[in-house]
Amino acid sequence: MDEKINQKITDAFEICPIFQGIDWSCFHPVYREFRRKQEICDVVDGVSCVGIIGSGEADVYTVSDELTQPNVSTQHAGSIFGICNVFLDSAMPTKLVCKVQCGVVFIPKKEFRQLIHRDEEFQKRYLALCNQKILYLAQKIELMGINSCKGKFACYLLRNADREGNVLLGTSKEQFARYLNVSRASLFRTIADFTARNLICSKDNQIQIINRDGLEAIRKGE
């Protein structure tokens, strides 16, 4: 294999958190590059694979979405995809489209499963990552039961704040509004209102909770 390609593969494993410190020498990875707006498929040469974004960014859309609609989330360098159906034959109801040119490393799912069975630490990391995705979906279900943008936003902040009351949105405001299922304008009005009422302090994508009780009252609809 070309030395430059080998280095790109190694670099991708090194920046992917689930593989840090893990011996992945048993894998037979494949490296591919994709152009902007090109869809990344998790099947390579007829083999179902797990992928690592080695460079670039790719947007996640639901299968029914047009690319003119806001994306669900964005995968960055070091992100791993295709792990939720490692033990299933079912296809995921999402698609991955390059935001910019991307370099991707593909690992056959069969080899990925073998490492899960063989390496206890890797197994724990894989399960933790799956748990994060389950919690993400559980939060989405909770938010579906709240009607107002203010209630949804308050709920999200309370569920995701660290011990100091900090919340990092980790995505664009447009993507975050899509996650809450509200309009971008409603989200900005809510952030401005919460700031004016001294409930939060907002700077870029960083939110600091100032009045937790006030947010809790809004979450409950009081």
N, C-alpha and C. Protein backbone atom coordinates (compact mmCIF):
# COMPACT_ATOMS: atom_id res chain seq x y z
N MET A 1 0.85 -1.19 0.00
CA MET A 1 0.00 0.00 0.00
C MET A 1 0.89 1.25 0.00
N ASP A 2 0.47 2.30 -0.70
CA ASP A 2 1.22 3.54 -0.79
C ASP A 2 1.51 4.09 0.60
N GLU A 3 2.74 4.61 0.77
CA GLU A 3 3.16 5.12 2.08
C GLU A 3 2.29 6.28 2.55
N LYS A 4 1.92 7.16 1.63
CA LYS A 4 1.08 8.30 1.99
C LYS A 4 -0.31 7.83 2.45
N ILE A 5 -0.84 6.83 1.76
CA ILE A 5 -2.15 6.28 2.15
C ILE A 5 -2.05 5.63 3.52
N ASN A 6 -0.97 4.90 3.74
CA ASN A 6 -0.75 4.28 5.05
C ASN A 6 -0.76 5.31 6.17
N GLN A 7 -0.11 6.44 5.91
CA GLN A 7 -0.03 7.49 6.93
C GLN A 7 -1.40 8.10 7.19
N LYS A 8 -2.19 8.28 6.12
CA LYS A 8 -3.54 8.83 6.28
C LYS A 8 -4.41 7.89 7.10
N ILE A 9 -4.24 6.59 6.89
CA ILE A 9 -5.00 5.59 7.65
C ILE A 9 -4.59 5.64 9.12
N THR A 10 -3.29 5.68 9.37
CA THR A 10 -2.78 5.74 10.74
C THR A 10 -3.26 7.01 11.45
N ASP A 11 -3.21 8.14 10.74
CA ASP A 11 -3.65 9.41 11.32
C ASP A 11 -5.12 9.35 11.70
N ALA A 12 -5.94 8.72 10.87
CA ALA A 12 -7.38 8.62 11.15
C ALA A 12 -7.63 7.82 12.42
N PHE A 13 -6.95 6.70 12.58
CA PHE A 13 -7.12 5.90 13.80
C PHE A 13 -6.66 6.67 15.04
N GLU A 14 -5.61 7.46 14.88
CA GLU A 14 -5.06 8.19 16.03
C GLU A 14 -5.98 9.30 16.52
N ILE A 15 -6.77 9.90 15.63
CA ILE A 15 -7.65 10.99 16.06
C ILE A 15 -9.06 10.51 16.40
N CYS A 16 -9.32 9.21 16.21
CA CYS A 16 -10.64 8.66 16.54
C CYS A 16 -10.62 8.17 17.99
N PRO A 17 -11.38 8.80 18.89
CA PRO A 17 -11.30 8.49 20.33
C PRO A 17 -11.46 7.01 20.68
N ILE A 18 -12.35 6.31 19.99
CA ILE A 18 -12.63 4.92 20.35
C ILE A 18 -11.41 4.01 20.09
N PHE A 19 -10.50 4.42 19.20
CA PHE A 19 -9.35 3.60 18.85
C PHE A 19 -8.05 4.01 19.55
N GLN A 20 -8.07 5.11 20.30
CA GLN A 20 -6.83 5.58 20.91
C GLN A 20 -6.29 4.57 21.92
N GLY A 21 -5.04 4.13 21.70
CA GLY A 21 -4.43 3.14 22.57
C GLY A 21 -4.84 1.71 22.28
N ILE A 22 -5.65 1.51 21.23
CA ILE A 22 -6.13 0.17 20.86
C ILE A 22 -5.29 -0.39 19.71
N ASP A 23 -4.96 -1.66 19.80
CA ASP A 23 -4.21 -2.33 18.72
C ASP A 23 -5.18 -2.70 17.60
N TRP A 24 -5.08 -1.99 16.48
CA TRP A 24 -5.99 -2.24 15.35
C TRP A 24 -5.26 -2.93 14.19
N SER A 25 -4.12 -3.55 14.49
CA SER A 25 -3.31 -4.17 13.44
C SER A 25 -4.01 -5.35 12.76
N CYS A 26 -5.06 -5.87 13.39
CA CYS A 26 -5.81 -6.99 12.80
C CYS A 26 -6.71 -6.54 11.65
N PHE A 27 -6.90 -5.23 11.51
CA PHE A 27 -7.79 -4.71 10.47
C PHE A 27 -7.11 -4.69 9.10
N HIS A 28 -7.96 -4.73 8.08
CA HIS A 28 -7.52 -4.52 6.70
C HIS A 28 -8.28 -3.30 6.16
N PRO A 29 -7.89 -2.11 6.62
CA PRO A 29 -8.63 -0.90 6.27
C PRO A 29 -8.44 -0.48 4.81
N VAL A 30 -9.42 0.25 4.33
CA VAL A 30 -9.38 0.77 2.96
C VAL A 30 -9.57 2.28 3.05
N TYR A 31 -8.80 3.02 2.29
CA TYR A 31 -8.89 4.49 2.30
C TYR A 31 -9.52 4.98 1.00
N ARG A 32 -10.48 5.91 1.14
CA ARG A 32 -11.14 6.51 -0.01
C ARG A 32 -11.27 8.02 0.20
N GLU A 33 -11.24 8.75 -0.90
CA GLU A 33 -11.47 10.20 -0.84
C GLU A 33 -12.76 10.53 -1.59
N PHE A 34 -13.48 11.52 -1.06
CA PHE A 34 -14.78 11.90 -1.61
C PHE A 34 -14.81 13.41 -1.85
N ARG A 35 -15.47 13.79 -2.94
CA ARG A 35 -15.60 15.20 -3.28
C ARG A 35 -16.71 15.86 -2.47
N ARG A 36 -16.71 17.17 -2.42
CA ARG A 36 -17.77 17.94 -1.79
C ARG A 36 -19.11 17.58 -2.43
N LYS A 37 -20.11 17.37 -1.58
CA LYS A 37 -21.49 17.01 -1.96
C LYS A 37 -21.63 15.56 -2.41
N GLN A 38 -20.56 14.80 -2.38
CA GLN A 38 -20.64 13.38 -2.74
C GLN A 38 -21.10 12.58 -1.53
N GLU A 39 -21.98 11.61 -1.75
CA GLU A 39 -22.46 10.78 -0.65
C GLU A 39 -21.44 9.71 -0.29
N ILE A 40 -21.26 9.50 1.02
CA ILE A 40 -20.35 8.47 1.51
C ILE A 40 -21.17 7.24 1.85
N CYS A 41 -20.91 6.16 1.18
CA CYS A 41 -21.63 4.90 1.41
C CYS A 41 -20.79 4.01 2.31
N ASP A 42 -21.45 3.26 3.22
CA ASP A 42 -20.69 2.40 4.13
C ASP A 42 -20.46 1.00 3.56
N VAL A 43 -20.76 0.83 2.29
CA VAL A 43 -20.46 -0.44 1.60
C VAL A 43 -19.35 -0.18 0.59
N VAL A 44 -18.22 -0.85 0.78
CA VAL A 44 -17.06 -0.66 -0.08
C VAL A 44 -16.71 -1.98 -0.76
N ASP A 45 -16.73 -1.97 -2.08
CA ASP A 45 -16.45 -3.20 -2.86
C ASP A 45 -17.31 -4.37 -2.40
N GLY A 46 -18.58 -4.06 -2.09
CA GLY A 46 -19.53 -5.09 -1.69
C GLY A 46 -19.43 -5.51 -0.23
N VAL A 47 -18.56 -4.86 0.55
CA VAL A 47 -18.36 -5.22 1.95
C VAL A 47 -18.92 -4.11 2.85
N SER A 48 -19.77 -4.48 3.81
CA SER A 48 -20.33 -3.52 4.75
C SER A 48 -19.26 -3.10 5.75
N CYS A 49 -19.11 -1.79 5.94
CA CYS A 49 -17.99 -1.28 6.73
C CYS A 49 -18.42 -0.25 7.77
N VAL A 50 -17.55 -0.08 8.76
CA VAL A 50 -17.57 1.05 9.67
C VAL A 50 -16.59 2.07 9.09
N GLY A 51 -16.89 3.36 9.21
CA GLY A 51 -16.01 4.37 8.63
C GLY A 51 -15.51 5.37 9.65
N ILE A 52 -14.31 5.88 9.41
CA ILE A 52 -13.74 6.97 10.21
C ILE A 52 -13.49 8.15 9.28
N ILE A 53 -13.98 9.32 9.66
CA ILE A 53 -13.66 10.52 8.90
C ILE A 53 -12.22 10.91 9.26
N GLY A 54 -11.31 10.74 8.32
CA GLY A 54 -9.91 11.07 8.58
C GLY A 54 -9.61 12.54 8.38
N SER A 55 -10.31 13.15 7.43
CA SER A 55 -10.15 14.58 7.16
C SER A 55 -11.44 15.11 6.55
N GLY A 56 -11.69 16.40 6.76
CA GLY A 56 -12.88 17.02 6.22
C GLY A 56 -14.08 16.92 7.15
N GLU A 57 -15.25 17.24 6.62
CA GLU A 57 -16.51 17.19 7.37
C GLU A 57 -17.60 16.65 6.46
N ALA A 58 -18.56 15.93 7.06
CA ALA A 58 -19.68 15.39 6.29
C ALA A 58 -20.97 15.61 7.08
N ASP A 59 -22.01 16.00 6.39
CA ASP A 59 -23.30 16.25 7.02
C ASP A 59 -24.17 15.01 7.00
N VAL A 60 -24.91 14.82 8.08
CA VAL A 60 -25.83 13.68 8.20
C VAL A 60 -27.25 14.16 7.89
N TYR A 61 -27.90 13.50 6.97
CA TYR A 61 -29.29 13.78 6.61
C TYR A 61 -30.12 12.52 6.81
N THR A 62 -31.41 12.71 7.06
CA THR A 62 -32.29 11.54 7.01
C THR A 62 -32.44 11.16 5.55
N VAL A 63 -32.76 9.91 5.30
CA VAL A 63 -32.83 9.41 3.93
C VAL A 63 -33.84 10.20 3.09
N SER A 64 -34.92 10.67 3.73
CA SER A 64 -35.97 11.38 3.00
C SER A 64 -35.65 12.85 2.77
N ASP A 65 -34.58 13.37 3.41
CA ASP A 65 -34.26 14.79 3.31
C ASP A 65 -33.69 15.16 1.95
N GLU A 66 -34.08 16.35 1.48
CA GLU A 66 -33.38 16.95 0.35
C GLU A 66 -32.17 17.68 0.92
N LEU A 67 -31.11 17.80 0.14
CA LEU A 67 -29.89 18.43 0.63
C LEU A 67 -30.05 19.93 0.85
N THR A 68 -31.19 20.48 0.39
CA THR A 68 -31.45 21.90 0.63
C THR A 68 -31.96 22.13 2.05
N GLN A 69 -32.35 21.06 2.74
CA GLN A 69 -32.86 21.16 4.10
C GLN A 69 -31.69 21.11 5.08
N PRO A 70 -31.87 21.71 6.29
CA PRO A 70 -30.80 21.66 7.29
C PRO A 70 -30.47 20.22 7.65
N ASN A 71 -29.17 19.96 7.84
CA ASN A 71 -28.75 18.60 8.18
C ASN A 71 -29.01 18.28 9.64
N VAL A 72 -29.04 17.01 9.97
CA VAL A 72 -29.31 16.56 11.33
C VAL A 72 -28.10 16.81 12.23
N SER A 73 -26.92 16.51 11.71
CA SER A 73 -25.69 16.73 12.47
C SER A 73 -24.52 16.74 11.49
N THR A 74 -23.33 17.02 12.02
CA THR A 74 -22.14 17.05 11.19
C THR A 74 -21.06 16.14 11.79
N GLN A 75 -20.47 15.31 10.94
CA GLN A 75 -19.38 14.45 11.35
C GLN A 75 -18.05 15.14 11.02
N HIS A 76 -17.15 15.20 12.01
CA HIS A 76 -15.88 15.88 11.82
C HIS A 76 -14.74 14.85 11.75
N ALA A 77 -13.54 15.34 11.49
CA ALA A 77 -12.37 14.46 11.48
C ALA A 77 -12.26 13.75 12.83
N GLY A 78 -12.14 12.44 12.80
CA GLY A 78 -12.11 11.64 14.03
C GLY A 78 -13.43 10.99 14.35
N SER A 79 -14.51 11.44 13.69
CA SER A 79 -15.84 10.84 13.93
C SER A 79 -15.91 9.46 13.29
N ILE A 80 -16.66 8.58 13.92
CA ILE A 80 -16.86 7.23 13.40
C ILE A 80 -18.33 7.04 13.06
N PHE A 81 -18.62 6.36 11.97
CA PHE A 81 -20.01 6.14 11.57
C PHE A 81 -20.21 4.68 11.17
N GLY A 82 -21.47 4.26 11.17
CA GLY A 82 -21.81 2.89 10.80
C GLY A 82 -21.73 1.90 11.94
N ILE A 83 -21.70 2.39 13.19
CA ILE A 83 -21.53 1.48 14.33
C ILE A 83 -22.85 0.98 14.91
N CYS A 84 -23.95 1.65 14.57
CA CYS A 84 -25.23 1.29 15.20
C CYS A 84 -25.86 0.03 14.62
N ASN A 85 -25.40 -0.40 13.47
CA ASN A 85 -25.94 -1.63 12.89
C ASN A 85 -24.83 -2.64 12.61
N VAL A 86 -23.80 -2.61 13.47
CA VAL A 86 -22.69 -3.55 13.33
C VAL A 86 -23.16 -4.99 13.45
N PHE A 87 -24.18 -5.24 14.30
CA PHE A 87 -24.67 -6.61 14.52
C PHE A 87 -26.01 -6.85 13.82
N LEU A 88 -26.39 -5.96 12.92
CA LEU A 88 -27.65 -6.09 12.19
C LEU A 88 -27.42 -5.96 10.69
N ASP A 89 -28.33 -6.54 9.92
CA ASP A 89 -28.25 -6.40 8.47
C ASP A 89 -29.03 -5.20 7.97
N SER A 90 -29.80 -4.57 8.86
CA SER A 90 -30.65 -3.44 8.46
C SER A 90 -29.82 -2.21 8.14
N ALA A 91 -30.25 -1.49 7.10
CA ALA A 91 -29.57 -0.24 6.73
C ALA A 91 -30.02 0.89 7.64
N MET A 92 -29.14 1.85 7.87
CA MET A 92 -29.49 3.02 8.68
C MET A 92 -30.36 3.97 7.86
N PRO A 93 -31.34 4.65 8.52
CA PRO A 93 -32.22 5.58 7.79
C PRO A 93 -31.59 6.97 7.64
N THR A 94 -30.28 7.01 7.45
CA THR A 94 -29.56 8.27 7.28
C THR A 94 -28.59 8.15 6.12
N LYS A 95 -28.13 9.30 5.65
CA LYS A 95 -27.09 9.32 4.63
C LYS A 95 -26.06 10.39 4.98
N LEU A 96 -24.84 10.16 4.55
CA LEU A 96 -23.71 11.02 4.88
C LEU A 96 -23.23 11.69 3.60
N VAL A 97 -23.21 13.03 3.61
CA VAL A 97 -22.85 13.78 2.41
C VAL A 97 -21.70 14.74 2.75
N CYS A 98 -20.67 14.73 1.93
CA CYS A 98 -19.48 15.55 2.20
C CYS A 98 -19.81 17.04 2.18
N LYS A 99 -19.45 17.71 3.25
CA LYS A 99 -19.58 19.17 3.32
C LYS A 99 -18.41 19.82 2.58
N VAL A 100 -17.25 19.18 2.69
CA VAL A 100 -16.04 19.54 1.96
C VAL A 100 -15.40 18.23 1.50
N GLN A 101 -14.28 18.30 0.83
CA GLN A 101 -13.60 17.06 0.44
C GLN A 101 -13.21 16.27 1.69
N CYS A 102 -13.45 14.98 1.66
CA CYS A 102 -13.21 14.13 2.83
C CYS A 102 -12.31 12.94 2.50
N GLY A 103 -11.49 12.58 3.47
CA GLY A 103 -10.74 11.33 3.41
C GLY A 103 -11.34 10.39 4.44
N VAL A 104 -11.70 9.18 4.03
CA VAL A 104 -12.40 8.24 4.92
C VAL A 104 -11.69 6.90 4.95
N VAL A 105 -11.56 6.36 6.15
CA VAL A 105 -11.00 5.02 6.33
C VAL A 105 -12.14 4.05 6.61
N PHE A 106 -12.20 2.96 5.87
CA PHE A 106 -13.26 1.97 6.04
C PHE A 106 -12.69 0.68 6.64
N ILE A 107 -13.45 0.13 7.61
CA ILE A 107 -13.07 -1.12 8.29
C ILE A 107 -14.21 -2.11 8.10
N PRO A 108 -13.96 -3.29 7.57
CA PRO A 108 -15.03 -4.28 7.44
C PRO A 108 -15.71 -4.54 8.79
N LYS A 109 -17.03 -4.56 8.80
CA LYS A 109 -17.75 -4.75 10.05
C LYS A 109 -17.44 -6.10 10.70
N LYS A 110 -17.12 -7.08 9.88
CA LYS A 110 -16.75 -8.38 10.44
C LYS A 110 -15.51 -8.26 11.30
N GLU A 111 -14.52 -7.51 10.84
CA GLU A 111 -13.29 -7.31 11.61
C GLU A 111 -13.55 -6.44 12.84
N PHE A 112 -14.43 -5.46 12.69
CA PHE A 112 -14.81 -4.60 13.81
C PHE A 112 -15.47 -5.43 14.91
N ARG A 113 -16.37 -6.34 14.52
CA ARG A 113 -17.02 -7.21 15.50
C ARG A 113 -16.00 -8.11 16.21
N GLN A 114 -15.06 -8.60 15.46
CA GLN A 114 -14.04 -9.48 16.05
C GLN A 114 -13.23 -8.74 17.12
N LEU A 115 -12.92 -7.47 16.87
CA LEU A 115 -12.17 -6.70 17.86
C LEU A 115 -13.02 -6.46 19.10
N ILE A 116 -14.31 -6.25 18.92
CA ILE A 116 -15.21 -6.07 20.07
C ILE A 116 -15.18 -7.31 20.96
N HIS A 117 -15.21 -8.47 20.36
CA HIS A 117 -15.20 -9.72 21.12
C HIS A 117 -13.85 -9.98 21.80
N ARG A 118 -12.77 -9.53 21.16
CA ARG A 118 -11.44 -9.88 21.64
C ARG A 118 -10.87 -8.88 22.66
N ASP A 119 -11.19 -7.60 22.52
CA ASP A 119 -10.58 -6.55 23.33
C ASP A 119 -11.61 -5.96 24.29
N GLU A 120 -11.44 -6.21 25.59
CA GLU A 120 -12.42 -5.78 26.59
C GLU A 120 -12.53 -4.27 26.67
N GLU A 121 -11.40 -3.57 26.59
CA GLU A 121 -11.43 -2.10 26.67
C GLU A 121 -12.16 -1.52 25.46
N PHE A 122 -11.89 -2.07 24.29
CA PHE A 122 -12.57 -1.59 23.09
C PHE A 122 -14.06 -1.87 23.18
N GLN A 123 -14.42 -3.01 23.73
CA GLN A 123 -15.82 -3.37 23.91
C GLN A 123 -16.53 -2.33 24.79
N LYS A 124 -15.87 -1.92 25.88
CA LYS A 124 -16.45 -0.92 26.78
C LYS A 124 -16.65 0.41 26.06
N ARG A 125 -15.67 0.79 25.26
CA ARG A 125 -15.77 2.06 24.53
C ARG A 125 -16.90 2.00 23.50
N TYR A 126 -17.02 0.87 22.84
CA TYR A 126 -18.09 0.70 21.85
C TYR A 126 -19.46 0.79 22.53
N LEU A 127 -19.62 0.11 23.65
CA LEU A 127 -20.89 0.14 24.38
C LEU A 127 -21.20 1.54 24.89
N ALA A 128 -20.17 2.25 25.37
CA ALA A 128 -20.38 3.62 25.85
C ALA A 128 -20.85 4.53 24.72
N LEU A 129 -20.26 4.35 23.54
CA LEU A 129 -20.65 5.16 22.39
C LEU A 129 -22.09 4.86 21.97
N CYS A 130 -22.46 3.58 22.01
CA CYS A 130 -23.84 3.21 21.70
C CYS A 130 -24.80 3.79 22.74
N ASN A 131 -24.39 3.79 24.01
CA ASN A 131 -25.23 4.37 25.07
C ASN A 131 -25.45 5.86 24.84
N GLN A 132 -24.41 6.55 24.38
CA GLN A 132 -24.55 7.98 24.09
C GLN A 132 -25.61 8.21 23.03
N LYS A 133 -25.62 7.35 22.03
CA LYS A 133 -26.60 7.49 20.95
C LYS A 133 -28.01 7.17 21.44
N ILE A 134 -28.13 6.21 22.36
CA ILE A 134 -29.44 5.89 22.94
C ILE A 134 -29.96 7.07 23.76
N LEU A 135 -29.08 7.68 24.55
CA LEU A 135 -29.47 8.84 25.36
C LEU A 135 -29.89 10.00 24.46
N TYR A 136 -29.20 10.15 23.34
CA TYR A 136 -29.53 11.20 22.38
C TYR A 136 -30.97 11.01 21.89
N LEU A 137 -31.32 9.77 21.55
CA LEU A 137 -32.67 9.48 21.08
C LEU A 137 -33.70 9.65 22.20
N ALA A 138 -33.33 9.27 23.43
CA ALA A 138 -34.24 9.42 24.57
C ALA A 138 -34.55 10.90 24.81
N GLN A 139 -33.53 11.73 24.65
CA GLN A 139 -33.75 13.17 24.80
C GLN A 139 -34.67 13.69 23.72
N LYS A 140 -34.50 13.19 22.51
CA LYS A 140 -35.36 13.61 21.41
C LYS A 140 -36.82 13.28 21.71
N ILE A 141 -37.05 12.11 22.28
CA ILE A 141 -38.41 11.70 22.64
C ILE A 141 -38.97 12.61 23.72
N GLU A 142 -38.14 12.95 24.72
CA GLU A 142 -38.59 13.86 25.78
C GLU A 142 -38.96 15.22 25.20
N LEU A 143 -38.15 15.72 24.28
CA LEU A 143 -38.40 17.04 23.70
C LEU A 143 -39.68 17.04 22.86
N MET A 144 -40.01 15.90 22.27
CA MET A 144 -41.23 15.81 21.46
C MET A 144 -42.48 16.05 22.31
N GLY A 145 -42.37 15.79 23.63
CA GLY A 145 -43.52 15.99 24.52
C GLY A 145 -43.65 17.40 25.05
N ILE A 146 -42.74 18.29 24.65
CA ILE A 146 -42.78 19.70 25.08
C ILE A 146 -43.14 20.56 23.88
N ASN A 147 -44.14 21.41 24.03
CA ASN A 147 -44.66 22.16 22.89
C ASN A 147 -43.88 23.43 22.57
N SER A 148 -43.50 24.18 23.59
CA SER A 148 -42.91 25.50 23.35
C SER A 148 -41.41 25.42 23.11
N CYS A 149 -40.89 26.37 22.35
CA CYS A 149 -39.45 26.47 22.12
C CYS A 149 -38.73 26.74 23.44
N LYS A 150 -39.31 27.59 24.28
CA LYS A 150 -38.69 27.91 25.57
C LYS A 150 -38.58 26.66 26.44
N GLY A 151 -39.65 25.86 26.45
CA GLY A 151 -39.63 24.64 27.25
C GLY A 151 -38.61 23.64 26.74
N LYS A 152 -38.53 23.50 25.42
CA LYS A 152 -37.57 22.58 24.82
C LYS A 152 -36.14 23.01 25.13
N PHE A 153 -35.88 24.31 24.98
CA PHE A 153 -34.52 24.81 25.20
C PHE A 153 -34.12 24.67 26.67
N ALA A 154 -35.03 25.00 27.56
CA ALA A 154 -34.76 24.87 29.00
C ALA A 154 -34.47 23.41 29.35
N CYS A 155 -35.26 22.51 28.81
CA CYS A 155 -35.07 21.08 29.07
C CYS A 155 -33.71 20.62 28.58
N TYR A 156 -33.34 21.04 27.38
CA TYR A 156 -32.04 20.63 26.83
C TYR A 156 -30.90 21.12 27.70
N LEU A 157 -30.97 22.39 28.12
CA LEU A 157 -29.89 22.94 28.94
C LEU A 157 -29.76 22.20 30.26
N LEU A 158 -30.87 21.92 30.90
CA LEU A 158 -30.85 21.23 32.20
C LEU A 158 -30.31 19.81 32.06
N ARG A 159 -30.61 19.14 30.97
CA ARG A 159 -30.18 17.75 30.78
C ARG A 159 -28.70 17.65 30.39
N ASN A 160 -28.15 18.71 29.80
CA ASN A 160 -26.81 18.60 29.23
C ASN A 160 -25.75 19.47 29.91
N ALA A 161 -26.12 20.18 30.96
CA ALA A 161 -25.16 21.03 31.66
C ALA A 161 -24.18 20.21 32.49
N ASP A 162 -22.93 20.66 32.56
CA ASP A 162 -21.97 20.01 33.44
C ASP A 162 -22.16 20.54 34.87
N ARG A 163 -21.28 20.17 35.76
CA ARG A 163 -21.45 20.54 37.17
C ARG A 163 -21.39 22.05 37.39
N GLU A 164 -20.69 22.75 36.50
CA GLU A 164 -20.59 24.21 36.61
C GLU A 164 -21.71 24.93 35.86
N GLY A 165 -22.60 24.17 35.27
CA GLY A 165 -23.72 24.78 34.55
C GLY A 165 -23.39 25.17 33.11
N ASN A 166 -22.29 24.65 32.57
CA ASN A 166 -21.90 24.97 31.20
C ASN A 166 -22.50 23.97 30.21
N VAL A 167 -22.95 24.48 29.09
CA VAL A 167 -23.47 23.63 28.01
C VAL A 167 -22.82 24.06 26.71
N LEU A 168 -22.17 23.12 26.04
CA LEU A 168 -21.60 23.38 24.72
C LEU A 168 -22.52 22.77 23.68
N LEU A 169 -23.10 23.60 22.83
CA LEU A 169 -24.05 23.10 21.84
C LEU A 169 -23.37 22.16 20.84
N GLY A 170 -22.13 22.45 20.47
CA GLY A 170 -21.38 21.54 19.62
C GLY A 170 -21.86 21.45 18.18
N THR A 171 -22.71 22.39 17.77
CA THR A 171 -23.21 22.40 16.40
C THR A 171 -23.67 23.81 16.08
N SER A 172 -24.04 24.06 14.84
CA SER A 172 -24.52 25.39 14.47
C SER A 172 -25.91 25.62 15.06
N LYS A 173 -26.28 26.90 15.18
CA LYS A 173 -27.61 27.22 15.70
C LYS A 173 -28.70 26.64 14.80
N GLU A 174 -28.45 26.63 13.49
CA GLU A 174 -29.42 26.07 12.54
C GLU A 174 -29.62 24.58 12.80
N GLN A 175 -28.52 23.86 12.99
CA GLN A 175 -28.61 22.42 13.27
C GLN A 175 -29.28 22.18 14.62
N PHE A 176 -28.95 23.02 15.59
CA PHE A 176 -29.52 22.85 16.92
C PHE A 176 -31.02 23.10 16.90
N ALA A 177 -31.46 24.10 16.16
CA ALA A 177 -32.89 24.37 16.02
C ALA A 177 -33.59 23.16 15.39
N ARG A 178 -32.92 22.54 14.43
CA ARG A 178 -33.48 21.34 13.79
C ARG A 178 -33.62 20.22 14.82
N TYR A 179 -32.62 20.09 15.67
CA TYR A 179 -32.67 19.06 16.72
C TYR A 179 -33.85 19.30 17.66
N LEU A 180 -34.09 20.56 18.02
CA LEU A 180 -35.21 20.89 18.91
C LEU A 180 -36.55 20.87 18.18
N ASN A 181 -36.51 20.83 16.85
CA ASN A 181 -37.71 20.88 16.02
C ASN A 181 -38.43 22.22 16.17
N VAL A 182 -37.65 23.29 16.15
CA VAL A 182 -38.17 24.65 16.20
C VAL A 182 -37.50 25.45 15.09
N SER A 183 -38.04 26.63 14.81
CA SER A 183 -37.43 27.47 13.79
C SER A 183 -36.19 28.16 14.35
N ARG A 184 -35.29 28.52 13.46
CA ARG A 184 -34.07 29.21 13.87
C ARG A 184 -34.42 30.54 14.54
N ALA A 185 -35.43 31.24 14.00
CA ALA A 185 -35.85 32.53 14.57
C ALA A 185 -36.37 32.35 16.00
N SER A 186 -37.17 31.29 16.22
CA SER A 186 -37.70 31.03 17.57
C SER A 186 -36.58 30.74 18.55
N LEU A 187 -35.59 30.01 18.10
CA LEU A 187 -34.45 29.70 18.97
C LEU A 187 -33.70 30.96 19.36
N PHE A 188 -33.44 31.84 18.41
CA PHE A 188 -32.71 33.07 18.71
C PHE A 188 -33.53 33.98 19.63
N ARG A 189 -34.83 34.02 19.45
CA ARG A 189 -35.67 34.81 20.34
C ARG A 189 -35.63 34.26 21.76
N THR A 190 -35.63 32.93 21.86
CA THR A 190 -35.60 32.28 23.18
C THR A 190 -34.27 32.54 23.88
N ILE A 191 -33.17 32.45 23.15
CA ILE A 191 -31.86 32.72 23.74
C ILE A 191 -31.79 34.16 24.22
N ALA A 192 -32.30 35.10 23.41
CA ALA A 192 -32.30 36.52 23.79
C ALA A 192 -33.18 36.74 25.03
N ASP A 193 -34.34 36.07 25.08
CA ASP A 193 -35.25 36.22 26.21
C ASP A 193 -34.62 35.66 27.50
N PHE A 194 -34.03 34.48 27.42
CA PHE A 194 -33.40 33.85 28.60
C PHE A 194 -32.23 34.70 29.10
N THR A 195 -31.50 35.31 28.16
CA THR A 195 -30.37 36.17 28.53
C THR A 195 -30.87 37.42 29.22
N ALA A 196 -31.92 38.03 28.67
CA ALA A 196 -32.48 39.26 29.25
C ALA A 196 -33.04 39.02 30.65
N ARG A 197 -33.57 37.82 30.87
CA ARG A 197 -34.13 37.47 32.19
C ARG A 197 -33.07 36.93 33.15
N ASN A 198 -31.82 36.97 32.72
CA ASN A 198 -30.69 36.53 33.54
C ASN A 198 -30.80 35.06 33.93
N LEU A 199 -31.35 34.27 33.03
CA LEU A 199 -31.42 32.83 33.25
C LEU A 199 -30.15 32.15 32.74
N ILE A 200 -29.60 32.72 31.67
CA ILE A 200 -28.39 32.17 31.06
C ILE A 200 -27.47 33.29 30.62
N CYS A 201 -26.23 32.92 30.33
CA CYS A 201 -25.28 33.79 29.66
C CYS A 201 -24.83 33.04 28.41
N SER A 202 -24.91 33.68 27.26
CA SER A 202 -24.63 33.00 26.00
C SER A 202 -23.50 33.69 25.25
N LYS A 203 -22.55 32.88 24.77
CA LYS A 203 -21.48 33.38 23.92
C LYS A 203 -21.17 32.32 22.88
N ASP A 204 -21.44 32.67 21.62
CA ASP A 204 -21.27 31.72 20.52
C ASP A 204 -22.08 30.45 20.82
N ASN A 205 -21.43 29.29 20.86
CA ASN A 205 -22.13 28.02 21.12
C ASN A 205 -21.98 27.57 22.57
N GLN A 206 -21.49 28.46 23.42
CA GLN A 206 -21.31 28.14 24.84
C GLN A 206 -22.42 28.81 25.65
N ILE A 207 -23.14 28.03 26.45
CA ILE A 207 -24.21 28.54 27.30
C ILE A 207 -23.83 28.30 28.76
N GLN A 208 -23.99 29.33 29.58
CA GLN A 208 -23.76 29.20 31.01
C GLN A 208 -25.10 29.38 31.74
N ILE A 209 -25.54 28.36 32.48
CA ILE A 209 -26.79 28.48 33.25
C ILE A 209 -26.55 29.35 34.48
N ILE A 210 -27.37 30.36 34.65
CA ILE A 210 -27.27 31.26 35.81
C ILE A 210 -28.36 30.96 36.83
N ASN A 211 -29.56 30.68 36.33
CA ASN A 211 -30.70 30.44 37.22
C ASN A 211 -31.34 29.09 36.86
N ARG A 212 -30.88 28.04 37.52
CA ARG A 212 -31.38 26.70 37.23
C ARG A 212 -32.85 26.55 37.61
N ASP A 213 -33.24 27.12 38.76
CA ASP A 213 -34.64 27.02 39.19
C ASP A 213 -35.58 27.68 38.19
N GLY A 214 -35.14 28.81 37.64
CA GLY A 214 -35.96 29.50 36.65
C GLY A 214 -36.16 28.66 35.40
N LEU A 215 -35.10 28.00 34.96
CA LEU A 215 -35.20 27.12 33.79
C LEU A 215 -36.08 25.91 34.08
N GLU A 216 -35.97 25.39 35.29
CA GLU A 216 -36.78 24.24 35.68
C GLU A 216 -38.26 24.59 35.65
N ALA A 217 -38.60 25.80 36.09
CA ALA A 217 -39.99 26.26 36.07
C ALA A 217 -40.51 26.36 34.64
N ILE A 218 -39.66 26.85 33.74
CA ILE A 218 -40.05 26.95 32.34
C ILE A 218 -40.23 25.56 31.73
N ARG A 219 -39.32 24.64 32.06
CA ARG A 219 -39.42 23.27 31.56
C ARG A 219 -40.74 22.63 31.97
N LYS A 220 -41.18 22.90 33.19
CA LYS A 220 -42.43 22.33 33.70
C LYS A 220 -43.66 23.09 33.22
N GLY A 221 -43.45 24.22 32.52
CA GLY A 221 -44.57 25.00 32.03
C GLY A 221 -45.20 25.89 33.08
N GLU A 222 -44.46 26.18 34.13
CA GLU A 222 -45.02 27.03 35.21
C GLU A 222 -44.95 28.51 34.85
